[in-house]
C-alpha atoms as a PDB file:
ATOM      1  CA  MET A   1     106.022 156.047 227.537  1.00  0.00           C
ATOM      2  CA  ARG A   2     106.886 158.264 225.062  1.00  0.00           C
ATOM      3  CA  LYS A   3     110.657 157.815 225.176  1.00  0.00           C
ATOM      4  CA  PHE A   4     109.887 153.707 224.506  1.00  0.00           C
ATOM      5  CA  LEU A   5     108.176 155.142 221.289  1.00  0.00           C
ATOM      6  CA  LEU A   6     111.029 157.450 220.168  1.00  0.00           C
ATOM      7  CA  LEU A   7     113.053 154.625 220.618  1.00  0.00           C
ATOM      8  CA  ILE A   8     110.548 152.226 218.824  1.00  0.00           C
ATOM      9  CA  VAL A   9     110.923 154.925 215.896  1.00  0.00           C
ATOM     10  CA  ALA A  10     114.538 155.407 215.900  1.00  0.00           C
ATOM     11  CA  ALA A  11     115.484 151.284 215.490  1.00  0.00           C
ATOM     12  CA  LEU A  12     112.574 151.306 212.823  1.00  0.00           C
ATOM     13  CA  ALA A  13     114.404 153.608 211.046  1.00  0.00           C
ATOM     14  CA  VAL A  14     117.574 152.183 211.372  1.00  0.00           C
ATOM     15  CA  VAL A  15     116.222 148.505 210.159  1.00  0.00           C
ATOM     16  CA  ALA A  16     114.736 150.505 207.483  1.00  0.00           C
ATOM     17  CA  MET A  17     117.571 152.782 206.384  1.00  0.00           C
ATOM     18  CA  PRO A  18     119.802 149.574 204.730  1.00  0.00           C
ATOM     19  CA  SER A  19     116.704 148.729 201.579  1.00  0.00           C
ATOM     20  CA  THR A  20     116.403 152.339 201.452  1.00  0.00           C
ATOM     21  CA  ALA A  21     119.683 152.521 200.143  1.00  0.00           C
ATOM     22  CA  LEU A  22     119.100 149.596 197.904  1.00  0.00           C
ATOM     23  CA  ALA A  23     116.660 151.263 196.494  1.00  0.00           C
ATOM     24  CA  ALA A  24     118.672 154.155 195.403  1.00  0.00           C
ATOM     25  CA  VAL A  25     120.049 152.022 192.744  1.00  0.00           C
ATOM     26  CA  ASN A  26     120.218 155.014 189.035  1.00  0.00           C
ATOM     27  CA  VAL A  27     120.928 153.297 185.870  1.00  0.00           C
ATOM     28  CA  LYS A  28     123.292 155.777 184.045  1.00  0.00           C
ATOM     29  CA  SER A  29     123.790 153.112 180.720  1.00  0.00           C
ATOM     30  CA  LEU A  30     122.033 149.514 180.318  1.00  0.00           C
ATOM     31  CA  PRO A  31     124.288 147.088 179.874  1.00  0.00           C
ATOM     32  CA  THR A  32     124.428 145.326 176.216  1.00  0.00           C
ATOM     33  CA  ALA A  33     124.541 142.000 175.296  1.00  0.00           C
ATOM     34  CA  THR A  34     126.895 140.694 172.423  1.00  0.00           C
ATOM     35  CA  PHE A  35     125.402 136.569 171.873  1.00  0.00           C
ATOM     36  CA  SER A  36     128.351 135.203 169.475  1.00  0.00           C
ATOM     37  CA  GLY A  37     127.848 131.370 169.218  1.00  0.00           C
ATOM     38  CA  PRO A  38     128.137 129.780 172.542  1.00  0.00           C
ATOM     39  CA  THR A  39     128.541 132.713 174.155  1.00  0.00           C
ATOM     40  CA  VAL A  40     127.049 135.623 175.307  1.00  0.00           C
ATOM     41  CA  THR A  41     129.391 139.185 176.748  1.00  0.00           C
ATOM     42  CA  LEU A  42     127.490 141.823 178.846  1.00  0.00           C
ATOM     43  CA  THR A  43     129.292 145.266 178.619  1.00  0.00           C
ATOM     44  CA  GLY A  44     128.403 148.973 179.117  1.00  0.00           C
ATOM     45  CA  GLY A  45     126.676 148.272 182.565  1.00  0.00           C
ATOM     46  CA  ASN A  46     126.827 151.645 184.255  1.00  0.00           C
ATOM     47  CA  PHE A  47     125.349 152.073 188.177  1.00  0.00           C
ATOM     48  CA  SER A  48     125.459 154.825 191.229  1.00  0.00           C
ATOM     49  CA  GLY A  49     123.702 154.841 194.350  1.00  0.00           C
ATOM     50  CA  LEU A  50     125.276 151.524 195.011  1.00  0.00           C
ATOM     51  CA  GLY A  51     126.871 152.825 198.261  1.00  0.00           C
ATOM     52  CA  SER A  52     129.610 150.935 200.135  1.00  0.00           C
ATOM     53  CA  VAL A  53     127.732 147.324 200.331  1.00  0.00           C
ATOM     54  CA  PRO A  54     129.536 145.526 197.542  1.00  0.00           C
ATOM     55  CA  ALA A  55     127.141 145.019 194.285  1.00  0.00           C
ATOM     56  CA  ILE A  56     127.639 141.425 192.260  1.00  0.00           C
ATOM     57  CA  ALA A  57     126.775 140.961 189.176  1.00  0.00           C
ATOM     58  CA  THR A  58     125.614 137.729 187.691  1.00  0.00           C
ATOM     59  CA  LEU A  59     124.703 136.640 183.955  1.00  0.00           C
ATOM     60  CA  THR A  60     123.279 133.507 183.500  1.00  0.00           C
ATOM     61  CA  VAL A  61     123.629 131.821 180.006  1.00  0.00           C
ATOM     62  CA  GLN A  62     120.733 129.050 178.348  1.00  0.00           C
ATOM     63  CA  GLY A  63     120.672 127.582 174.579  1.00  0.00           C
ATOM     64  CA  SER A  64     121.122 124.744 172.822  1.00  0.00           C
ATOM     65  CA  ALA A  65     123.362 122.183 170.986  1.00  0.00           C
ATOM     66  CA  THR A  66     123.088 120.682 167.476  1.00  0.00           C
ATOM     67  CA  TYR A  67     123.974 117.132 166.561  1.00  0.00           C
ATOM     68  CA  THR A  68     124.931 115.387 163.015  1.00  0.00           C
ATOM     69  CA  CYS A  69     124.087 111.968 163.134  1.00  0.00           C
ATOM     70  CA  THR A  70     126.541 109.464 161.066  1.00  0.00           C
ATOM     71  CA  ASN A  71     125.262 106.231 159.835  1.00  0.00           C
ATOM     72  CA  GLN A  72     126.797 102.936 159.640  1.00  0.00           C
ATOM     73  CA  GLY A  73     127.684 103.250 156.325  1.00  0.00           C
ATOM     74  CA  GLY A  74     129.337 106.406 157.284  1.00  0.00           C
ATOM     75  CA  ASN A  75     126.987 108.874 155.408  1.00  0.00           C
ATOM     76  CA  ALA A  76     125.948 111.700 158.019  1.00  0.00           C
ATOM     77  CA  SER A  77     122.503 113.632 158.243  1.00  0.00           C
ATOM     78  CA  PRO A  78     121.853 116.252 160.567  1.00  0.00           C
ATOM     79  CA  GLY A  79     119.953 116.040 163.579  1.00  0.00           C
ATOM     80  CA  GLN A  80     116.282 116.909 163.348  1.00  0.00           C
ATOM     81  CA  ASN A  81     116.245 118.045 167.370  1.00  0.00           C
ATOM     82  CA  PRO A  82     117.941 120.529 169.300  1.00  0.00           C
ATOM     83  CA  VAL A  83     118.760 119.537 172.272  1.00  0.00           C
ATOM     84  CA  PRO A  84     118.766 121.589 176.032  1.00  0.00           C
ATOM     85  CA  ALA A  85     123.060 122.705 176.537  1.00  0.00           C
ATOM     86  CA  GLN A  86     124.525 122.854 179.638  1.00  0.00           C
ATOM     87  CA  PRO A  87     123.711 126.850 181.231  1.00  0.00           C
ATOM     88  CA  GLY A  88     126.831 128.878 182.125  1.00  0.00           C
ATOM     89  CA  SER A  89     127.182 131.518 184.266  1.00  0.00           C
ATOM     90  CA  ALA A  90     129.710 134.318 185.801  1.00  0.00           C
ATOM     91  CA  ASN A  91     130.225 136.829 188.361  1.00  0.00           C
ATOM     92  CA  GLN A  92     131.905 140.131 188.633  1.00  0.00           C
ATOM     93  CA  ASP A  93     132.127 142.276 191.493  1.00  0.00           C
ATOM     94  CA  LEU A  94     131.150 145.814 190.204  1.00  0.00           C
ATOM     95  CA  GLY A  95     133.864 147.723 192.122  1.00  0.00           C
ATOM     96  CA  ASN A  96     131.213 150.171 193.960  1.00  0.00           C
ATOM     97  CA  ALA A  97     132.572 149.463 197.218  1.00  0.00           C
ATOM     98  CA  ASP A  98     135.854 151.395 195.868  1.00  0.00           C
ATOM     99  CA  HIS A  99     134.031 153.865 193.614  1.00  0.00           C
ATOM    100  CA  ASN A 100     131.670 156.199 195.849  1.00  0.00           C
ATOM    101  CA  GLY A 101     128.635 153.927 194.995  1.00  0.00           C
ATOM    102  CA  ARG A 102     129.225 153.756 191.116  1.00  0.00           C
ATOM    103  CA  GLY A 103     129.541 150.305 189.501  1.00  0.00           C
ATOM    104  CA  THR A 104     130.013 149.182 186.338  1.00  0.00           C
ATOM    105  CA  ILE A 105     130.166 145.508 184.147  1.00  0.00           C
ATOM    106  CA  THR A 106     132.916 145.053 182.266  1.00  0.00           C
ATOM    107  CA  ASP A 107     133.331 142.404 179.908  1.00  0.00           C
ATOM    108  CA  LEU A 108     131.396 140.137 181.843  1.00  0.00           C
ATOM    109  CA  THR A 109     131.368 136.673 179.597  1.00  0.00           C
ATOM    110  CA  ALA A 110     129.075 133.507 179.955  1.00  0.00           C
ATOM    111  CA  SER A 111     129.086 130.538 177.836  1.00  0.00           C
ATOM    112  CA  VAL A 112     126.806 126.967 177.523  1.00  0.00           C
ATOM    113  CA  THR A 113     128.859 123.826 177.151  1.00  0.00           C
ATOM    114  CA  ALA A 114     127.638 120.472 176.060  1.00  0.00           C
ATOM    115  CA  GLY A 115     126.225 117.670 177.958  1.00  0.00           C
ATOM    116  CA  PRO A 116     126.251 114.161 178.458  1.00  0.00           C
ATOM    117  CA  THR A 117     126.455 112.867 174.336  1.00  0.00           C
ATOM    118  CA  PRO A 118     122.827 112.086 173.552  1.00  0.00           C
ATOM    119  CA  THR A 119     120.759 109.033 172.243  1.00  0.00           C
ATOM    120  CA  PRO A 120     120.365 109.176 168.793  1.00  0.00           C
ATOM    121  CA  GLN A 121     116.952 109.208 169.622  1.00  0.00           C
ATOM    122  CA  GLN A 122     117.012 112.620 171.493  1.00  0.00           C
ATOM    123  CA  VAL A 123     118.819 113.848 168.414  1.00  0.00           C
ATOM    124  CA  GLY A 124     116.307 112.903 165.980  1.00  0.00           C
ATOM    125  CA  CYS A 125     118.462 110.812 164.011  1.00  0.00           C
ATOM    126  CA  GLY A 126     116.696 108.662 161.119  1.00  0.00           C
ATOM    127  CA  GLY A 127     115.912 105.002 161.144  1.00  0.00           C
ATOM    128  CA  GLY A 128     112.852 104.803 163.334  1.00  0.00           C
ATOM    129  CA  GLY A 129     114.820 104.826 166.628  1.00  0.00           C
ATOM    130  CA  SER A 130     117.570 102.692 165.631  1.00  0.00           C
ATOM    131  CA  LYS A 131     120.862 103.162 167.426  1.00  0.00           C
ATOM    132  CA  ASN A 132     123.081 102.260 164.789  1.00  0.00           C
ATOM    133  CA  TRP A 133     124.165 106.157 164.925  1.00  0.00           C
ATOM    134  CA  THR A 134     127.123 107.748 165.925  1.00  0.00           C
ATOM    135  CA  VAL A 135     126.597 111.113 167.054  1.00  0.00           C
ATOM    136  CA  THR A 136     128.547 114.290 166.948  1.00  0.00           C
ATOM    137  CA  LEU A 137     128.477 117.389 168.639  1.00  0.00           C
ATOM    138  CA  ASN A 138     127.490 120.056 165.746  1.00  0.00           C
ATOM    139  CA  THR A 139     127.034 123.539 167.222  1.00  0.00           C
ATOM    140  CA  LEU A 140     126.354 125.013 170.511  1.00  0.00           C
ATOM    141  CA  THR A 141     124.435 128.481 170.117  1.00  0.00           C
ATOM    142  CA  ALA A 142     123.422 130.422 173.183  1.00  0.00           C
ATOM    143  CA  THR A 143     120.202 131.965 173.183  1.00  0.00           C
ATOM    144  CA  SER A 144     119.204 133.837 176.080  1.00  0.00           C
ATOM    145  CA  ALA A 145     120.732 134.852 179.627  1.00  0.00           C
ATOM    146  CA  HIS A 146     119.553 136.494 182.302  1.00  0.00           C
ATOM    147  CA  LEU A 147     121.696 139.351 184.405  1.00  0.00           C
ATOM    148  CA  GLY A 148     121.001 139.826 187.884  1.00  0.00           C
ATOM    149  CA  ILE A 149     123.144 142.174 190.650  1.00  0.00           C
ATOM    150  CA  THR A 150     122.348 142.029 194.014  1.00  0.00           C
ATOM    151  CA  GLN A 151     123.834 143.608 197.265  1.00  0.00           C
ATOM    152  CA  SER A 152     124.086 141.641 200.736  1.00  0.00           C
ATOM    153  CA  GLY A 153     121.454 139.221 198.710  1.00  0.00           C
ATOM    154  CA  SER A 154     118.670 140.759 197.184  1.00  0.00           C
ATOM    155  CA  ILE A 155     118.437 141.480 193.228  1.00  0.00           C
ATOM    156  CA  ILE A 156     118.477 145.278 192.868  1.00  0.00           C
ATOM    157  CA  PHE A 157     118.320 145.194 189.461  1.00  0.00           C
ATOM    158  CA  CYS A 158     117.515 142.242 186.555  1.00  0.00           C
ATOM    159  CA  ARG A 159     117.577 141.668 182.534  1.00  0.00           C
ATOM    160  CA  ASN A 160     116.478 139.007 180.386  1.00  0.00           C
ATOM    161  CA  TYR A 161     118.532 139.097 177.085  1.00  0.00           C
ATOM    162  CA  THR A 162     117.793 137.220 173.886  1.00  0.00           C
ATOM    163  CA  LEU A 163     119.135 135.931 170.398  1.00  0.00           C
ATOM    164  CA  GLY A 164     117.973 138.502 168.304  1.00  0.00           C
ATOM    165  CA  GLY A 165     115.924 140.951 170.657  1.00  0.00           C
ATOM    166  CA  PRO A 166     117.422 143.977 171.812  1.00  0.00           C
ATOM    167  CA  THR A 167     120.560 144.409 172.729  1.00  0.00           C
ATOM    168  CA  THR A 168     119.706 146.075 175.798  1.00  0.00           C
ATOM    169  CA  GLY A 169     117.290 143.536 176.636  1.00  0.00           C
ATOM    170  CA  THR A 170     113.874 143.461 178.903  1.00  0.00           C
ATOM    171  CA  ALA A 171     113.374 144.035 182.425  1.00  0.00           C
ATOM    172  CA  CYS A 172     112.260 141.475 184.305  1.00  0.00           C
END
């Protein structure tokens, strides 16, 4: 009976080891975010304790688009309603499997894009809902970003960033 109990304890220890290794991540420096129009770039994140299981950083950005409304007479005016832009994302292998469990984020960039052209009503063109407007994309702006670092499908680190917020973001 004693050998059986020792075998169960040993098996549980082996199962618990991978999750313990993932929990030992140390942040040497937080990644910083730079917002520029439709793009967010993360740099400088440095991590240790990642072990030899590849760690993947995923940056996902959200934002908005503004449009110009042009009436049939050729007069342009800004739309009144920003429209959600299409989110963008990018991945980066942190290289920890080849660097003794250390990984670094180097210039991870993602951008929002314009979706299908919205209707004049969605953009807020004048005329009480008139459809006699031409809608043209004016600006795309990334307004927020989320960084998630995963190993074996489990999230081991995450940060949220906002336009005008702290460059090192906030904890998730």
